[in-house]
């Protein structure tokens, strides 16, 4: 996608396919990410304890457990910090409406390749 829309018109975050495979080979430990990133720890604790769903506090407990304790197959926790940092850049660009619109339009226009 980046090749077609231009590096300057897309926000990329997370591990590369090669990095994902390396983590798998070396033994990905999602709990390490949970314990080392204070913000991630807080977010997952809030989700798992029902802060966002007080009527049914255990609703997302299995989801949180699958991420922290049961392998996090898609390595979501490994990508979390990269996502947050990238989102900060998105927010910064969004505050510049003219530049945001230009990049958005270029991105949309160059996506036509994927419709073929």
C-alpha atoms as a PDB file:
ATOM      1  CA  UNK A   1       0.000   0.000   0.000  1.00  0.00           C
ATOM      2  CA  UNK A   2       2.782   2.368   0.980  1.00  0.00           C
ATOM      3  CA  UNK A   3       4.363   1.979  -2.462  1.00  0.00           C
ATOM      4  CA  UNK A   4       1.182   3.211  -4.119  1.00  0.00           C
ATOM      5  CA  UNK A   5       0.067   6.010  -1.819  1.00  0.00           C
ATOM      6  CA  UNK A   6       3.518   7.282  -0.871  1.00  0.00           C
ATOM      7  CA  UNK A   7       5.318   7.027   2.443  1.00  0.00           C
ATOM      8  CA  UNK A   8       4.363  10.617   3.271  1.00  0.00           C
ATOM      9  CA  UNK A   9       0.628   9.887   2.832  1.00  0.00           C
ATOM     10  CA  UNK A  10       0.211   6.881   5.088  1.00  0.00           C
ATOM     11  CA  UNK A  11       0.702   6.068   8.744  1.00  0.00           C
ATOM     12  CA  UNK A  12       2.431   2.764   9.375  1.00  0.00           C
ATOM     13  CA  UNK A  13       2.774   1.251  12.839  1.00  0.00           C
ATOM     14  CA  UNK A  14       3.635  -2.054  14.425  1.00  0.00           C
ATOM     15  CA  UNK A  15       6.088  -4.794  13.691  1.00  0.00           C
ATOM     16  CA  UNK A  16       7.024  -5.876  10.215  1.00  0.00           C
ATOM     17  CA  UNK A  17       6.204  -9.415   9.086  1.00  0.00           C
ATOM     18  CA  UNK A  18       9.834 -10.328   9.688  1.00  0.00           C
ATOM     19  CA  UNK A  19       9.737  -8.907  13.228  1.00  0.00           C
ATOM     20  CA  UNK A  20       6.530 -10.828  13.946  1.00  0.00           C
ATOM     21  CA  UNK A  21       8.166 -14.083  12.862  1.00  0.00           C
ATOM     22  CA  UNK A  22      11.273 -13.323  14.909  1.00  0.00           C
ATOM     23  CA  UNK A  23       9.133 -12.757  18.005  1.00  0.00           C
ATOM     24  CA  UNK A  24       7.315 -16.041  17.373  1.00  0.00           C
ATOM     25  CA  UNK A  25      10.583 -17.944  16.976  1.00  0.00           C
ATOM     26  CA  UNK A  26      12.101 -16.402  20.092  1.00  0.00           C
ATOM     27  CA  UNK A  27       8.983 -17.017  22.164  1.00  0.00           C
ATOM     28  CA  UNK A  28       6.623 -14.059  22.223  1.00  0.00           C
ATOM     29  CA  UNK A  29       5.674 -13.147  25.797  1.00  0.00           C
ATOM     30  CA  UNK A  30       2.718 -10.740  25.761  1.00  0.00           C
ATOM     31  CA  UNK A  31       2.743 -10.421  29.546  1.00  0.00           C
ATOM     32  CA  UNK A  32       6.130  -8.677  29.274  1.00  0.00           C
ATOM     33  CA  UNK A  33       4.526  -5.870  27.253  1.00  0.00           C
ATOM     34  CA  UNK A  34       1.655  -5.645  29.725  1.00  0.00           C
ATOM     35  CA  UNK A  35       4.002  -5.377  32.694  1.00  0.00           C
ATOM     36  CA  UNK A  36       6.508  -2.968  31.128  1.00  0.00           C
ATOM     37  CA  UNK A  37       4.103  -0.421  29.612  1.00  0.00           C
ATOM     38  CA  UNK A  38       2.263   1.418  32.384  1.00  0.00           C
ATOM     39  CA  UNK A  39      -0.369   2.859  30.052  1.00  0.00           C
ATOM     40  CA  UNK A  40      -1.066  -0.507  28.421  1.00  0.00           C
ATOM     41  CA  UNK A  41      -1.317  -2.097  31.867  1.00  0.00           C
ATOM     42  CA  UNK A  42      -3.801   0.540  32.986  1.00  0.00           C
ATOM     43  CA  UNK A  43      -5.931   0.246  29.843  1.00  0.00           C
ATOM     44  CA  UNK A  44      -6.162  -3.543  29.962  1.00  0.00           C
ATOM     45  CA  UNK A  45      -6.839  -3.519  33.695  1.00  0.00           C
ATOM     46  CA  UNK A  46      -9.688  -1.064  33.188  1.00  0.00           C
ATOM     47  CA  UNK A  47     -11.161  -3.089  30.326  1.00  0.00           C
ATOM     48  CA  UNK A  48     -10.842  -6.347  32.253  1.00  0.00           C
ATOM     49  CA  UNK A  49     -12.345  -4.961  35.452  1.00  0.00           C
ATOM     50  CA  UNK A  50     -15.450  -3.539  33.802  1.00  0.00           C
ATOM     51  CA  UNK A  51     -14.715   0.188  34.005  1.00  0.00           C
ATOM     52  CA  UNK A  52     -16.195   0.654  30.530  1.00  0.00           C
ATOM     53  CA  UNK A  53     -19.083  -1.750  31.078  1.00  0.00           C
ATOM     54  CA  UNK A  54     -20.206  -1.537  34.721  1.00  0.00           C
ATOM     55  CA  UNK A  55     -23.498  -3.346  34.020  1.00  0.00           C
ATOM     56  CA  UNK A  56     -21.541  -6.434  32.961  1.00  0.00           C
ATOM     57  CA  UNK A  57     -18.042  -6.035  34.460  1.00  0.00           C
ATOM     58  CA  UNK A  58     -16.727  -9.444  33.364  1.00  0.00           C
ATOM     59  CA  UNK A  59     -17.767  -9.063  29.747  1.00  0.00           C
ATOM     60  CA  UNK A  60     -14.257  -8.461  28.359  1.00  0.00           C
ATOM     61  CA  UNK A  61     -12.282 -10.517  30.875  1.00  0.00           C
ATOM     62  CA  UNK A  62     -11.744 -13.363  28.373  1.00  0.00           C
ATOM     63  CA  UNK A  63     -10.497 -10.895  25.777  1.00  0.00           C
ATOM     64  CA  UNK A  64      -7.990  -9.413  28.202  1.00  0.00           C
ATOM     65  CA  UNK A  65      -6.910 -12.899  29.316  1.00  0.00           C
ATOM     66  CA  UNK A  66      -6.397 -13.963  25.703  1.00  0.00           C
ATOM     67  CA  UNK A  67      -4.092 -10.993  25.186  1.00  0.00           C
ATOM     68  CA  UNK A  68      -2.074 -11.238  28.395  1.00  0.00           C
ATOM     69  CA  UNK A  69      -2.163 -14.894  29.412  1.00  0.00           C
ATOM     70  CA  UNK A  70      -3.057 -16.986  26.387  1.00  0.00           C
ATOM     71  CA  UNK A  71      -0.578 -16.052  23.699  1.00  0.00           C
ATOM     72  CA  UNK A  72      -1.937 -12.910  21.988  1.00  0.00           C
ATOM     73  CA  UNK A  73      -1.763 -14.691  18.631  1.00  0.00           C
ATOM     74  CA  UNK A  74      -1.812 -11.479  16.581  1.00  0.00           C
ATOM     75  CA  UNK A  75       0.769  -9.762  18.810  1.00  0.00           C
ATOM     76  CA  UNK A  76      -1.535  -6.853  19.577  1.00  0.00           C
ATOM     77  CA  UNK A  77       0.369  -5.984  22.746  1.00  0.00           C
ATOM     78  CA  UNK A  78       3.673  -5.900  20.864  1.00  0.00           C
ATOM     79  CA  UNK A  79       2.215  -3.270  18.518  1.00  0.00           C
ATOM     80  CA  UNK A  80       0.460  -1.180  21.158  1.00  0.00           C
ATOM     81  CA  UNK A  81       3.190   1.397  21.872  1.00  0.00           C
ATOM     82  CA  UNK A  82       3.916   1.852  18.174  1.00  0.00           C
ATOM     83  CA  UNK A  83       0.194   2.384  17.540  1.00  0.00           C
ATOM     84  CA  UNK A  84      -0.101   5.011  20.279  1.00  0.00           C
ATOM     85  CA  UNK A  85       2.979   6.868  19.026  1.00  0.00           C
ATOM     86  CA  UNK A  86       1.663   6.756  15.458  1.00  0.00           C
ATOM     87  CA  UNK A  87      -1.736   7.986  16.585  1.00  0.00           C
ATOM     88  CA  UNK A  88      -0.020  11.015  18.138  1.00  0.00           C
ATOM     89  CA  UNK A  89       1.345  11.834  14.669  1.00  0.00           C
ATOM     90  CA  UNK A  90      -2.130  11.379  13.160  1.00  0.00           C
ATOM     91  CA  UNK A  91      -3.578  13.756  15.749  1.00  0.00           C
ATOM     92  CA  UNK A  92      -0.854  16.308  15.046  1.00  0.00           C
ATOM     93  CA  UNK A  93      -1.483  16.227  11.298  1.00  0.00           C
ATOM     94  CA  UNK A  94      -5.248  16.420  11.805  1.00  0.00           C
ATOM     95  CA  UNK A  95      -4.753  19.797  13.485  1.00  0.00           C
ATOM     96  CA  UNK A  96      -3.473  21.116  10.124  1.00  0.00           C
ATOM     97  CA  UNK A  97      -6.655  20.855   8.014  1.00  0.00           C
ATOM     98  CA  UNK A  98      -5.107  21.848   4.692  1.00  0.00           C
ATOM     99  CA  UNK A  99      -2.241  19.369   4.936  1.00  0.00           C
ATOM    100  CA  UNK A 100      -4.590  16.676   6.299  1.00  0.00           C
ATOM    101  CA  UNK A 101      -6.959  17.139   3.362  1.00  0.00           C
ATOM    102  CA  UNK A 102      -4.137  17.053   0.812  1.00  0.00           C
ATOM    103  CA  UNK A 103      -2.686  13.830   2.198  1.00  0.00           C
ATOM    104  CA  UNK A 104      -6.144  12.279   2.506  1.00  0.00           C
ATOM    105  CA  UNK A 105      -7.007  13.075  -1.095  1.00  0.00           C
ATOM    106  CA  UNK A 106      -3.683  11.726  -2.365  1.00  0.00           C
ATOM    107  CA  UNK A 107      -4.181   8.572  -0.340  1.00  0.00           C
ATOM    108  CA  UNK A 108      -7.692   8.043  -1.714  1.00  0.00           C
ATOM    109  CA  UNK A 109      -6.666   8.814  -5.292  1.00  0.00           C
ATOM    110  CA  UNK A 110      -3.782   6.358  -5.171  1.00  0.00           C
ATOM    111  CA  UNK A 111      -5.916   3.558  -3.709  1.00  0.00           C
ATOM    112  CA  UNK A 112      -7.470   3.015  -7.140  1.00  0.00           C
ATOM    113  CA  UNK A 113      -4.707   0.511  -7.840  1.00  0.00           C
ATOM    114  CA  UNK A 114      -6.317  -1.879  -5.352  1.00  0.00           C
ATOM    115  CA  UNK A 115      -9.669  -1.780  -7.152  1.00  0.00           C
ATOM    116  CA  UNK A 116      -8.326  -3.473 -10.261  1.00  0.00           C
END
